[in-house]
Amino acid sequence: MKTLLVVTKGDLGGAQQVVLNLARSLYEEGHEVLVAYGEDDTYLPDELQDTDISVHQFNHLSRSKNPIAGLRFAFELKRFVQKNNIDLVHLHSSNTLLGAFGVSLTKAKSVFTFHGMSVLAPGYDKTKVLKYIYSVYFAIFSRFLDGAIYLTEADKQIADDWLIKP
């Protein structure tokens, strides 16, 4: 199986470490693995340079809240998936979730790991309007997913409470 793991930033962080560990494990199990990121950094490429795991940097994947940039990423991801005959795309950060739309236009399957739903958690210091916007974003784009992974039961409960259903 050819799997693409996607995270917004290529620097050192929790999601990036999960991607590295997963990439190495899948590769050891005999899968063809590609790792992709958006914002320029050398951590992921440096960590994978001595492996047979390919690394790709997307031009339009960033931490931007601009929906046009997100759609550009979705179509960039779609083209990449088709060109590289990817079977499964595993998305790992909220900005990558928009890519589920692009993947849905291909034959590949997609899964998203919710690495934290703190922005929607009770008591989180954000306005109700901002929480609502985030919940709509998650609800709309999670509909394009074939599966979801929650790191904690609390995250799953928050998603259920906000009616976020892949």
N, C-alpha and C. Protein backbone atom coordinates (compact mmCIF):
# COMPACT_ATOMS: atom_id res chain seq x y z
N MET A 1 0.84 -1.17 0.00
CA MET A 1 0.00 0.00 0.00
C MET A 1 0.89 1.24 0.00
N LYS A 2 0.52 2.21 -0.80
CA LYS A 2 1.27 3.45 -0.89
C LYS A 2 0.55 4.51 -0.06
N THR A 3 1.23 4.96 1.00
CA THR A 3 0.62 5.87 1.97
C THR A 3 1.35 7.20 2.00
N LEU A 4 0.56 8.26 1.99
CA LEU A 4 1.08 9.62 2.11
C LEU A 4 0.66 10.18 3.46
N LEU A 5 1.63 10.59 4.27
CA LEU A 5 1.38 11.22 5.57
C LEU A 5 1.62 12.72 5.41
N VAL A 6 0.64 13.53 5.81
CA VAL A 6 0.72 14.98 5.58
C VAL A 6 0.56 15.74 6.89
N VAL A 7 1.46 16.69 7.13
CA VAL A 7 1.39 17.56 8.29
C VAL A 7 1.71 18.98 7.82
N THR A 8 1.15 19.98 8.48
CA THR A 8 1.31 21.36 8.01
C THR A 8 2.75 21.84 8.06
N LYS A 9 3.40 21.66 9.18
CA LYS A 9 4.75 22.18 9.35
C LYS A 9 5.76 21.04 9.42
N GLY A 10 6.96 21.32 8.94
CA GLY A 10 8.01 20.31 8.95
C GLY A 10 8.96 20.44 10.12
N ASP A 11 8.60 21.26 11.12
CA ASP A 11 9.48 21.45 12.26
C ASP A 11 9.21 20.43 13.35
N LEU A 12 9.97 20.50 14.42
CA LEU A 12 9.81 19.56 15.52
C LEU A 12 8.57 19.90 16.32
N GLY A 13 7.69 18.92 16.48
CA GLY A 13 6.46 19.10 17.25
C GLY A 13 5.80 17.75 17.45
N GLY A 14 4.72 17.74 18.19
CA GLY A 14 4.03 16.49 18.50
C GLY A 14 3.50 15.77 17.28
N ALA A 15 2.79 16.49 16.41
CA ALA A 15 2.22 15.86 15.21
C ALA A 15 3.34 15.37 14.29
N GLN A 16 4.40 16.14 14.19
CA GLN A 16 5.52 15.74 13.34
C GLN A 16 6.18 14.47 13.87
N GLN A 17 6.29 14.35 15.18
CA GLN A 17 6.88 13.15 15.77
C GLN A 17 5.99 11.94 15.51
N VAL A 18 4.68 12.12 15.60
CA VAL A 18 3.74 11.04 15.28
C VAL A 18 3.92 10.62 13.83
N VAL A 19 4.03 11.60 12.93
CA VAL A 19 4.22 11.30 11.51
C VAL A 19 5.51 10.52 11.29
N LEU A 20 6.60 10.95 11.91
CA LEU A 20 7.88 10.24 11.76
C LEU A 20 7.79 8.81 12.26
N ASN A 21 7.24 8.62 13.44
CA ASN A 21 7.13 7.27 14.00
C ASN A 21 6.24 6.39 13.13
N LEU A 22 5.13 6.93 12.68
CA LEU A 22 4.22 6.18 11.83
C LEU A 22 4.87 5.84 10.49
N ALA A 23 5.56 6.81 9.90
CA ALA A 23 6.24 6.57 8.63
C ALA A 23 7.26 5.44 8.75
N ARG A 24 8.05 5.49 9.79
CA ARG A 24 9.07 4.45 9.99
C ARG A 24 8.43 3.08 10.22
N SER A 25 7.37 3.04 11.02
CA SER A 25 6.69 1.77 11.30
C SER A 25 6.06 1.18 10.05
N LEU A 26 5.37 2.02 9.29
CA LEU A 26 4.74 1.53 8.06
C LEU A 26 5.79 1.04 7.07
N TYR A 27 6.90 1.77 6.97
CA TYR A 27 7.97 1.37 6.08
C TYR A 27 8.54 0.01 6.49
N GLU A 28 8.76 -0.17 7.79
CA GLU A 28 9.30 -1.44 8.30
C GLU A 28 8.34 -2.60 8.04
N GLU A 29 7.04 -2.31 7.96
CA GLU A 29 6.04 -3.34 7.67
C GLU A 29 5.91 -3.61 6.17
N GLY A 30 6.69 -2.91 5.35
CA GLY A 30 6.70 -3.17 3.93
C GLY A 30 5.86 -2.25 3.07
N HIS A 31 5.32 -1.19 3.65
CA HIS A 31 4.53 -0.24 2.88
C HIS A 31 5.43 0.79 2.22
N GLU A 32 4.98 1.31 1.10
CA GLU A 32 5.66 2.44 0.48
C GLU A 32 5.10 3.70 1.14
N VAL A 33 5.98 4.52 1.70
CA VAL A 33 5.54 5.66 2.49
C VAL A 33 6.15 6.94 1.94
N LEU A 34 5.32 7.97 1.87
CA LEU A 34 5.77 9.31 1.53
C LEU A 34 5.33 10.23 2.66
N VAL A 35 6.16 11.21 2.99
CA VAL A 35 5.83 12.20 4.01
C VAL A 35 5.83 13.56 3.33
N ALA A 36 4.79 14.36 3.63
CA ALA A 36 4.70 15.69 3.03
C ALA A 36 4.36 16.72 4.10
N TYR A 37 4.81 17.92 3.85
CA TYR A 37 4.56 19.03 4.76
C TYR A 37 4.45 20.30 3.94
N GLY A 38 4.10 21.40 4.61
CA GLY A 38 3.93 22.66 3.91
C GLY A 38 5.00 23.66 4.25
N GLU A 39 4.88 24.27 5.40
CA GLU A 39 5.76 25.36 5.75
C GLU A 39 7.21 24.90 5.83
N ASP A 40 8.08 25.74 5.30
CA ASP A 40 9.48 25.40 5.14
C ASP A 40 10.18 25.16 6.47
N ASP A 41 10.79 24.03 6.57
CA ASP A 41 11.61 23.67 7.72
C ASP A 41 12.42 22.45 7.33
N THR A 42 13.45 22.16 8.07
CA THR A 42 14.32 21.05 7.69
C THR A 42 14.20 19.83 8.59
N TYR A 43 13.40 19.90 9.66
CA TYR A 43 13.35 18.79 10.61
C TYR A 43 12.92 17.48 9.94
N LEU A 44 11.77 17.46 9.31
CA LEU A 44 11.29 16.21 8.68
C LEU A 44 12.25 15.72 7.59
N PRO A 45 12.65 16.59 6.65
CA PRO A 45 13.60 16.10 5.64
C PRO A 45 14.90 15.58 6.24
N ASP A 46 15.42 16.28 7.25
CA ASP A 46 16.67 15.83 7.89
C ASP A 46 16.50 14.48 8.56
N GLU A 47 15.39 14.28 9.26
CA GLU A 47 15.15 13.03 9.97
C GLU A 47 14.97 11.84 9.02
N LEU A 48 14.52 12.12 7.80
CA LEU A 48 14.23 11.03 6.86
C LEU A 48 15.25 10.90 5.74
N GLN A 49 16.29 11.72 5.75
CA GLN A 49 17.23 11.74 4.64
C GLN A 49 17.98 10.42 4.43
N ASP A 50 18.19 9.65 5.46
CA ASP A 50 18.92 8.38 5.33
C ASP A 50 17.99 7.18 5.21
N THR A 51 16.75 7.42 4.79
CA THR A 51 15.78 6.34 4.62
C THR A 51 15.31 6.31 3.17
N ASP A 52 14.51 5.32 2.85
CA ASP A 52 13.89 5.26 1.53
C ASP A 52 12.49 5.89 1.55
N ILE A 53 12.21 6.68 2.57
CA ILE A 53 10.93 7.37 2.67
C ILE A 53 11.06 8.71 1.97
N SER A 54 10.25 8.92 0.93
CA SER A 54 10.28 10.17 0.17
C SER A 54 9.64 11.30 0.97
N VAL A 55 10.19 12.49 0.79
CA VAL A 55 9.66 13.68 1.46
C VAL A 55 9.29 14.70 0.39
N HIS A 56 8.12 15.31 0.55
CA HIS A 56 7.64 16.31 -0.41
C HIS A 56 7.17 17.54 0.35
N GLN A 57 7.45 18.71 -0.22
CA GLN A 57 6.95 19.95 0.37
C GLN A 57 5.87 20.53 -0.54
N PHE A 58 4.68 20.75 0.02
CA PHE A 58 3.59 21.37 -0.73
C PHE A 58 3.76 22.88 -0.70
N ASN A 59 3.53 23.51 -1.85
CA ASN A 59 3.66 24.96 -1.96
C ASN A 59 2.52 25.72 -1.29
N HIS A 60 1.33 25.12 -1.25
CA HIS A 60 0.15 25.84 -0.79
C HIS A 60 -0.38 25.37 0.56
N LEU A 61 0.39 24.60 1.29
CA LEU A 61 -0.03 24.16 2.62
C LEU A 61 0.67 25.03 3.66
N SER A 62 -0.13 25.75 4.44
CA SER A 62 0.43 26.62 5.47
C SER A 62 -0.58 26.77 6.60
N ARG A 63 -0.19 27.48 7.62
CA ARG A 63 -1.07 27.72 8.76
C ARG A 63 -2.02 28.88 8.49
N SER A 64 -2.18 29.25 7.27
CA SER A 64 -3.05 30.35 6.88
C SER A 64 -4.51 30.04 7.19
N LYS A 65 -5.25 31.07 7.54
CA LYS A 65 -6.69 30.93 7.72
C LYS A 65 -7.43 31.40 6.47
N ASN A 66 -6.69 31.61 5.39
CA ASN A 66 -7.24 32.05 4.12
C ASN A 66 -7.85 30.85 3.40
N PRO A 67 -9.17 30.86 3.16
CA PRO A 67 -9.80 29.70 2.51
C PRO A 67 -9.32 29.47 1.08
N ILE A 68 -8.90 30.52 0.39
CA ILE A 68 -8.38 30.36 -0.97
C ILE A 68 -7.08 29.56 -0.93
N ALA A 69 -6.21 29.87 0.02
CA ALA A 69 -4.96 29.11 0.17
C ALA A 69 -5.27 27.66 0.48
N GLY A 70 -6.27 27.43 1.33
CA GLY A 70 -6.66 26.06 1.66
C GLY A 70 -7.17 25.29 0.46
N LEU A 71 -7.96 25.94 -0.37
CA LEU A 71 -8.46 25.28 -1.59
C LEU A 71 -7.32 25.02 -2.58
N ARG A 72 -6.39 25.94 -2.66
CA ARG A 72 -5.23 25.71 -3.53
C ARG A 72 -4.47 24.47 -3.07
N PHE A 73 -4.33 24.32 -1.74
CA PHE A 73 -3.68 23.12 -1.21
C PHE A 73 -4.49 21.88 -1.56
N ALA A 74 -5.81 21.93 -1.43
CA ALA A 74 -6.65 20.76 -1.72
C ALA A 74 -6.43 20.28 -3.14
N PHE A 75 -6.35 21.20 -4.09
CA PHE A 75 -6.14 20.80 -5.48
C PHE A 75 -4.70 20.41 -5.76
N GLU A 76 -3.75 21.02 -5.05
CA GLU A 76 -2.35 20.59 -5.16
C GLU A 76 -2.21 19.16 -4.65
N LEU A 77 -2.87 18.85 -3.53
CA LEU A 77 -2.84 17.50 -2.98
C LEU A 77 -3.51 16.51 -3.94
N LYS A 78 -4.63 16.89 -4.51
CA LYS A 78 -5.32 16.02 -5.48
C LYS A 78 -4.38 15.64 -6.63
N ARG A 79 -3.71 16.64 -7.20
CA ARG A 79 -2.78 16.36 -8.32
C ARG A 79 -1.65 15.44 -7.87
N PHE A 80 -1.11 15.68 -6.68
CA PHE A 80 -0.01 14.86 -6.16
C PHE A 80 -0.45 13.41 -5.96
N VAL A 81 -1.63 13.23 -5.39
CA VAL A 81 -2.16 11.88 -5.14
C VAL A 81 -2.35 11.14 -6.46
N GLN A 82 -2.91 11.81 -7.46
CA GLN A 82 -3.12 11.17 -8.76
C GLN A 82 -1.80 10.85 -9.44
N LYS A 83 -0.88 11.80 -9.45
CA LYS A 83 0.41 11.61 -10.12
C LYS A 83 1.22 10.48 -9.50
N ASN A 84 1.11 10.31 -8.18
CA ASN A 84 1.92 9.33 -7.47
C ASN A 84 1.18 8.05 -7.10
N ASN A 85 -0.04 7.90 -7.60
CA ASN A 85 -0.84 6.69 -7.35
C ASN A 85 -0.91 6.32 -5.87
N ILE A 86 -1.26 7.30 -5.06
CA ILE A 86 -1.36 7.10 -3.61
C ILE A 86 -2.64 6.32 -3.30
N ASP A 87 -2.55 5.36 -2.39
CA ASP A 87 -3.71 4.58 -1.96
C ASP A 87 -4.40 5.20 -0.75
N LEU A 88 -3.60 5.74 0.18
CA LEU A 88 -4.15 6.28 1.43
C LEU A 88 -3.43 7.57 1.78
N VAL A 89 -4.21 8.58 2.12
CA VAL A 89 -3.67 9.85 2.59
C VAL A 89 -4.06 10.01 4.05
N HIS A 90 -3.05 10.18 4.91
CA HIS A 90 -3.29 10.34 6.34
C HIS A 90 -2.92 11.78 6.70
N LEU A 91 -3.93 12.57 7.03
CA LEU A 91 -3.78 13.99 7.32
C LEU A 91 -3.60 14.19 8.83
N HIS A 92 -2.70 15.12 9.21
CA HIS A 92 -2.31 15.21 10.62
C HIS A 92 -2.38 16.58 11.26
N SER A 93 -3.00 17.55 10.69
CA SER A 93 -3.14 18.84 11.37
C SER A 93 -4.34 19.56 10.78
N SER A 94 -4.91 20.47 11.54
CA SER A 94 -6.18 21.06 11.13
C SER A 94 -6.11 21.74 9.77
N ASN A 95 -4.97 22.32 9.41
CA ASN A 95 -4.87 22.94 8.09
C ASN A 95 -4.82 21.91 6.97
N THR A 96 -4.44 20.68 7.27
CA THR A 96 -4.43 19.65 6.23
C THR A 96 -5.82 19.08 5.98
N LEU A 97 -6.75 19.29 6.91
CA LEU A 97 -8.09 18.71 6.78
C LEU A 97 -8.77 19.13 5.49
N LEU A 98 -8.53 20.35 5.03
CA LEU A 98 -9.09 20.80 3.76
C LEU A 98 -8.67 19.90 2.61
N GLY A 99 -7.52 19.26 2.75
CA GLY A 99 -7.04 18.34 1.73
C GLY A 99 -7.94 17.14 1.53
N ALA A 100 -8.77 16.82 2.53
CA ALA A 100 -9.70 15.69 2.39
C ALA A 100 -10.63 15.91 1.20
N PHE A 101 -10.97 17.17 0.94
CA PHE A 101 -11.79 17.47 -0.24
C PHE A 101 -11.05 17.07 -1.51
N GLY A 102 -9.78 17.46 -1.62
CA GLY A 102 -8.99 17.11 -2.80
C GLY A 102 -8.84 15.61 -2.96
N VAL A 103 -8.60 14.91 -1.86
CA VAL A 103 -8.45 13.45 -1.91
C VAL A 103 -9.75 12.79 -2.35
N SER A 104 -10.88 13.36 -1.95
CA SER A 104 -12.18 12.77 -2.31
C SER A 104 -12.42 12.79 -3.81
N LEU A 105 -11.67 13.59 -4.54
CA LEU A 105 -11.79 13.66 -6.00
C LEU A 105 -10.89 12.65 -6.70
N THR A 106 -10.25 11.78 -5.92
CA THR A 106 -9.36 10.74 -6.45
C THR A 106 -9.88 9.38 -6.01
N LYS A 107 -9.13 8.34 -6.36
CA LYS A 107 -9.49 6.99 -5.93
C LYS A 107 -8.94 6.66 -4.54
N ALA A 108 -8.08 7.51 -4.02
CA ALA A 108 -7.44 7.25 -2.72
C ALA A 108 -8.44 7.41 -1.58
N LYS A 109 -8.11 6.80 -0.46
CA LYS A 109 -8.88 6.95 0.78
C LYS A 109 -8.15 7.96 1.66
N SER A 110 -8.90 8.56 2.59
CA SER A 110 -8.28 9.53 3.49
C SER A 110 -8.70 9.28 4.93
N VAL A 111 -7.77 9.58 5.82
CA VAL A 111 -8.02 9.49 7.26
C VAL A 111 -7.37 10.72 7.89
N PHE A 112 -7.98 11.20 8.96
CA PHE A 112 -7.48 12.38 9.66
C PHE A 112 -7.29 12.04 11.13
N THR A 113 -6.13 12.40 11.67
CA THR A 113 -5.91 12.25 13.10
C THR A 113 -6.16 13.59 13.77
N PHE A 114 -7.12 13.57 14.70
CA PHE A 114 -7.40 14.76 15.51
C PHE A 114 -6.37 14.78 16.63
N HIS A 115 -5.38 15.66 16.51
CA HIS A 115 -4.29 15.73 17.48
C HIS A 115 -4.64 16.61 18.67
N GLY A 116 -5.87 16.99 18.76
CA GLY A 116 -6.32 17.82 19.88
C GLY A 116 -7.49 18.67 19.43
N MET A 117 -8.50 18.69 20.24
CA MET A 117 -9.70 19.48 19.93
C MET A 117 -9.85 20.60 20.94
N SER A 118 -8.73 21.09 21.45
CA SER A 118 -8.77 22.07 22.54
C SER A 118 -9.53 23.33 22.17
N VAL A 119 -9.45 23.75 20.91
CA VAL A 119 -10.14 24.97 20.51
C VAL A 119 -11.65 24.87 20.70
N LEU A 120 -12.19 23.66 20.72
CA LEU A 120 -13.62 23.46 20.91
C LEU A 120 -13.97 22.98 22.32
N ALA A 121 -12.96 22.80 23.14
CA ALA A 121 -13.20 22.27 24.49
C ALA A 121 -13.87 23.31 25.38
N PRO A 122 -14.72 22.84 26.29
CA PRO A 122 -15.31 23.76 27.26
C PRO A 122 -14.20 24.44 28.07
N GLY A 123 -14.35 25.73 28.27
CA GLY A 123 -13.36 26.45 29.05
C GLY A 123 -12.20 27.01 28.25
N TYR A 124 -12.10 26.63 26.96
CA TYR A 124 -11.01 27.17 26.14
C TYR A 124 -11.26 28.65 25.91
N ASP A 125 -10.23 29.44 26.00
CA ASP A 125 -10.36 30.90 25.97
C ASP A 125 -10.50 31.43 24.54
N LYS A 126 -11.61 31.13 23.90
CA LYS A 126 -11.94 31.67 22.57
C LYS A 126 -13.40 32.10 22.60
N THR A 127 -13.74 33.01 21.73
CA THR A 127 -15.13 33.47 21.68
C THR A 127 -16.03 32.37 21.13
N LYS A 128 -17.30 32.46 21.43
CA LYS A 128 -18.26 31.49 20.91
C LYS A 128 -18.31 31.53 19.40
N VAL A 129 -18.15 32.71 18.83
CA VAL A 129 -18.17 32.85 17.36
C VAL A 129 -16.99 32.09 16.76
N LEU A 130 -15.81 32.26 17.32
CA LEU A 130 -14.63 31.56 16.80
C LEU A 130 -14.77 30.05 16.95
N LYS A 131 -15.28 29.61 18.09
CA LYS A 131 -15.51 28.18 18.28
C LYS A 131 -16.51 27.66 17.25
N TYR A 132 -17.54 28.43 16.97
CA TYR A 132 -18.53 28.02 15.98
C TYR A 132 -17.90 27.90 14.59
N ILE A 133 -17.07 28.87 14.24
CA ILE A 133 -16.39 28.83 12.93
C ILE A 133 -15.53 27.57 12.82
N TYR A 134 -14.76 27.28 13.86
CA TYR A 134 -13.94 26.06 13.86
C TYR A 134 -14.81 24.81 13.76
N SER A 135 -15.91 24.79 14.48
CA SER A 135 -16.78 23.60 14.44
C SER A 135 -17.37 23.39 13.06
N VAL A 136 -17.74 24.48 12.38
CA VAL A 136 -18.28 24.37 11.02
C VAL A 136 -17.19 23.86 10.08
N TYR A 137 -15.98 24.40 10.21
CA TYR A 137 -14.85 23.95 9.39
C TYR A 137 -14.64 22.44 9.56
N PHE A 138 -14.52 22.00 10.81
CA PHE A 138 -14.31 20.57 11.07
C PHE A 138 -15.48 19.74 10.56
N ALA A 139 -16.69 20.21 10.77
CA ALA A 139 -17.88 19.45 10.35
C ALA A 139 -17.95 19.31 8.84
N ILE A 140 -17.68 20.38 8.12
CA ILE A 140 -17.76 20.34 6.65
C ILE A 140 -16.69 19.42 6.08
N PHE A 141 -15.45 19.66 6.45
CA PHE A 141 -14.36 18.93 5.78
C PHE A 141 -14.17 17.51 6.30
N SER A 142 -14.63 17.22 7.50
CA SER A 142 -14.54 15.84 7.97
C SER A 142 -15.50 14.94 7.21
N ARG A 143 -16.50 15.51 6.56
CA ARG A 143 -17.44 14.72 5.75
C ARG A 143 -16.75 14.08 4.54
N PHE A 144 -15.62 14.63 4.13
CA PHE A 144 -14.90 14.09 2.98
C PHE A 144 -13.95 12.96 3.37
N LEU A 145 -13.82 12.69 4.66
CA LEU A 145 -12.90 11.66 5.14
C LEU A 145 -13.50 10.26 5.04
N ASP A 146 -12.62 9.29 4.92
CA ASP A 146 -13.03 7.89 5.00
C ASP A 146 -12.88 7.35 6.41
N GLY A 147 -12.12 8.05 7.25
CA GLY A 147 -11.95 7.61 8.62
C GLY A 147 -11.31 8.69 9.47
N ALA A 148 -11.42 8.53 10.78
CA ALA A 148 -10.83 9.49 11.71
C ALA A 148 -10.21 8.76 12.88
N ILE A 149 -9.16 9.35 13.42
CA ILE A 149 -8.48 8.83 14.60
C ILE A 149 -8.45 9.95 15.63
N TYR A 150 -8.83 9.62 16.84
CA TYR A 150 -8.79 10.58 17.95
C TYR A 150 -7.73 10.10 18.93
N LEU A 151 -6.86 11.00 19.34
CA LEU A 151 -5.79 10.60 20.25
C LEU A 151 -6.31 10.35 21.66
N THR A 152 -7.45 10.95 21.99
CA THR A 152 -8.02 10.73 23.32
C THR A 152 -9.53 10.57 23.21
N GLU A 153 -10.10 9.94 24.20
CA GLU A 153 -11.57 9.84 24.29
C GLU A 153 -12.18 11.22 24.46
N ALA A 154 -11.48 12.12 25.15
CA ALA A 154 -11.98 13.48 25.34
C ALA A 154 -12.13 14.19 24.00
N ASP A 155 -11.15 14.01 23.10
CA ASP A 155 -11.26 14.62 21.76
C ASP A 155 -12.44 14.04 20.99
N LYS A 156 -12.64 12.74 21.10
CA LYS A 156 -13.78 12.09 20.43
C LYS A 156 -15.09 12.65 20.98
N GLN A 157 -15.16 12.84 22.28
CA GLN A 157 -16.38 13.38 22.90
C GLN A 157 -16.64 14.82 22.44
N ILE A 158 -15.58 15.62 22.36
CA ILE A 158 -15.73 17.00 21.88
C ILE A 158 -16.25 17.00 20.45
N ALA A 159 -15.67 16.14 19.60
CA ALA A 159 -16.14 16.05 18.21
C ALA A 159 -17.61 15.64 18.17
N ASP A 160 -17.99 14.66 18.96
CA ASP A 160 -19.39 14.23 19.02
C ASP A 160 -20.30 15.37 19.49
N ASP A 161 -19.85 16.10 20.51
CA ASP A 161 -20.65 17.20 21.05
C ASP A 161 -20.90 18.29 20.00
N TRP A 162 -19.92 18.51 19.14
CA TRP A 162 -20.04 19.53 18.10
C TRP A 162 -20.56 18.95 16.78
N LEU A 163 -20.99 17.71 16.80
CA LEU A 163 -21.56 17.04 15.61
C LEU A 163 -20.57 16.93 14.46
N ILE A 164 -19.31 16.69 14.80
CA ILE A 164 -18.27 16.49 13.79
C ILE A 164 -18.17 15.00 13.53
N LYS A 165 -18.63 14.57 12.36
CA LYS A 165 -18.71 13.15 12.03
C LYS A 165 -18.06 12.88 10.67
N PRO A 166 -16.97 12.15 10.66
CA PRO A 166 -16.40 11.75 9.35
C PRO A 166 -17.30 10.75 8.65
